[in-house]
Amino acid sequence: MSYPWLPHEIYVHILSQLPPRTNCDSSVKVLAECSLVNSDLRNAASLSALWQPHYRIRYHHSVPSREATRREVCNEDYRLMYFARRRLDRRALRILEGVITDGRSRHDGARELVRDLSFDVWDTLNIEIHRPLPRGFRFGSEGGEDSQEELDDHERSQGITRMFWAKTLLGSIARSNAVQEWGRLLHPQPGAPEVTFEDALTGLSAFFAISPHEISNQLDALSERCRAYLTSRHRSLDSASPEFDLADTCAKICDFLRDEGFQAASSNRFHNLFNHFPHSVLSTNKKTLPMSLVYLFVAISRRLGIVVSPIDFPVRVIAHVASGNPTTPDILVDVYGSSSKAILSVSDDIPERLLAAGVLPSEALTYIMPSPASQLLLRTTRNIIGSFQIMNEAEISSLPHVEFQSASYAAICATLLLIPNNNILERVAFPNWPLSIDAGPVLLDGVVPLLPPRDGRILERRCKEIMDNQAVAETPSFRSRAAKRIKFFVGMFFQHIRFAYVGLIVGWQPTCMASENWIANMGVDHLQHGRHQPFFNVITVQGSPRYVAQENISPWNPTEDDIRDFFQGYGNLGMYFRDVDRPEHCGSRGRLLLSQELHEEYPEDDNAGKQWVMYGSFD
């Protein structure tokens, strides 16, 4: 071999130094370009071992059956597998582009993505969510420029709108998967994997666009910390060991959970809405409910090789631990009350608690045996609904609207599958439903087949109405053609003259288009200009929708913090807007720039907003 060519091993060593990156293909592009230089470099750059770290850092999610097929077809060659996944990524990004730019075909795109691609494209959509934020929405150094980020001008111009729709599609993937899991829970298929208690409750977090893989990873890490905790205290996990003490180990797992901050909720936090959702329990709501503590106890114990199941015990959920020995009784664990007594006595504690709950001794056997996961899921959904009913108006109004929607949507879907009824059916797939993109991939394709025929037909009809209505382009609203002067514009911040709250305009009508009941209840006809004045669709900083008369609106000059508060408080902001327009030379005036879809609906509002920002006047 003559200079400048190097030995194969040297090429391999050099190429192995290329850093794997989650959000960027730059290292992979070097490998691909090296394979075009000559046969020596191609042989080195094509090695599966060089591609493996790049594949593993970029792809954490997949549809397991499809991943197994890919491995087989590619003969475990990570280079070929990487290329196969990138082809799927490009298809997903084409669908995302269509969802952003063409509302008429949005439902078709969402159904295609969820049905055909699902978790195989989770990681590429997740990258879109974590692109650099437009400068006006950043906190400090958050979302700063990164030379490694591969954003072209078109993608950059879509701003937070692109992030919003990417997250929305992720949510549809997660929710579709949760519905499928719950369907298998209710209608088990021969040969299919068991849907566990952990799986069933993890599905609730899917309604917040949380991946079950993410929660499983957190539980894996928690379990490994628990293993180390037990080992450091000389507790054996080997059931064959003479030192193994199952009851003591269970008590120590409860101790570990408390040491990690997972404890019984105080009375004023007991009914907190987010105590029911695993992703919140693992982060912000560690002081939580019996159900959630048992969820953690079961997840950890099973990973440690202990056979644990939940018991739908009256008042407080407890855990059943199988001894695995016919001569040794099983163990009952009160995780919630473990700080005072973790291991319950079947002869003393259980009868006493059942008697206090009004349960006859003859029924006791039901409450010392494992309960089906579906029963625990139903109890959880009822508790979620109970939390909503207990919350006062101030608590509800302070809750970010998107979080409120997600929690109620989770409870509605689970309840609809577990105990179908028309009252629940009326609360999903209604006109102007914020999560209408789920009408096809989640409700029509997932929920409808699991419902009784009559309920299924009702929901199918409502979903198709939503999809058909959104397949028709919105008639543009031209302010210049309105019978009444439209003084304000979409994207303008304002303060309500009577109630003083700050809001953001997302739409308008030339006259009040609300129902007669709403007009009467709100006293619209007692306003100075009554119902025959422009009315504006607005959102508050929490994302709560309002409908406001023009005479009650006063322009508001937003600070940088105001803009960021709206972005943080209202997760759906990207559905309406893409960026901020707040030039330094225009004082404190500012506005939000319309998404392409909203611009098509209000084609003259961009110029009206520009005039306000530049000159402080309205047309």
Foldseek 3Di string as FASTA:
>chain_A
DDPPDDDLVVLLVVLLPQDADQQFCVSVVVLVVQLVPDPSSVVNSQAQVSLVVNQVSHAPWADVVVVVVLCVVVVVRNVSVVVVLVVLQVLLVVLLVCLQFPLLCVLVSLQCCLVPGQRSNLRSLVSQLQAQAFPLQDDDCRSHDDPRHDDDPVSQQLGCLSNLSSLLSLLLSLLQVLLVLLLCLVVPDPPDDHCALLNNLQSLCSLVSDHSSVLLVLLVVLLVVLVVVCVVVVADLDLPDPRHDPVVSLLSSLVSLVVVVQAAADPVCALPLCLSHSVCCSPPPSNYALLNQLSSSCSNCVVSVWHKAWFPAPPHIWMWTDSPDPVDDIWIARSHPSVVPGTDDPVPRQVVVCVVRVHDPVCSVSRRDHDRSLVSSLVSLVSSVVSVVPDDPVVVVVAQPSVVLSSLVSSLLSCCLSPNDVVSLVVPLDPPRVSLSSLNNRCLVRRLVRHDVVSSVVSVVSNVVNSNVSSDAADADEQVPQPAHDFAFAFFWWAFQPPGFIKGFQAKDQFDPDDPVVCVVVVQCVDPVRRRGMWTWIAGLSRHTDIGGPVRTDTDQDDSVNVNSSVVNHVNPSVFFRHKDQDPVQPRHIGTHGRSSSCRRHVCRVVQSVCCSRPVGGD
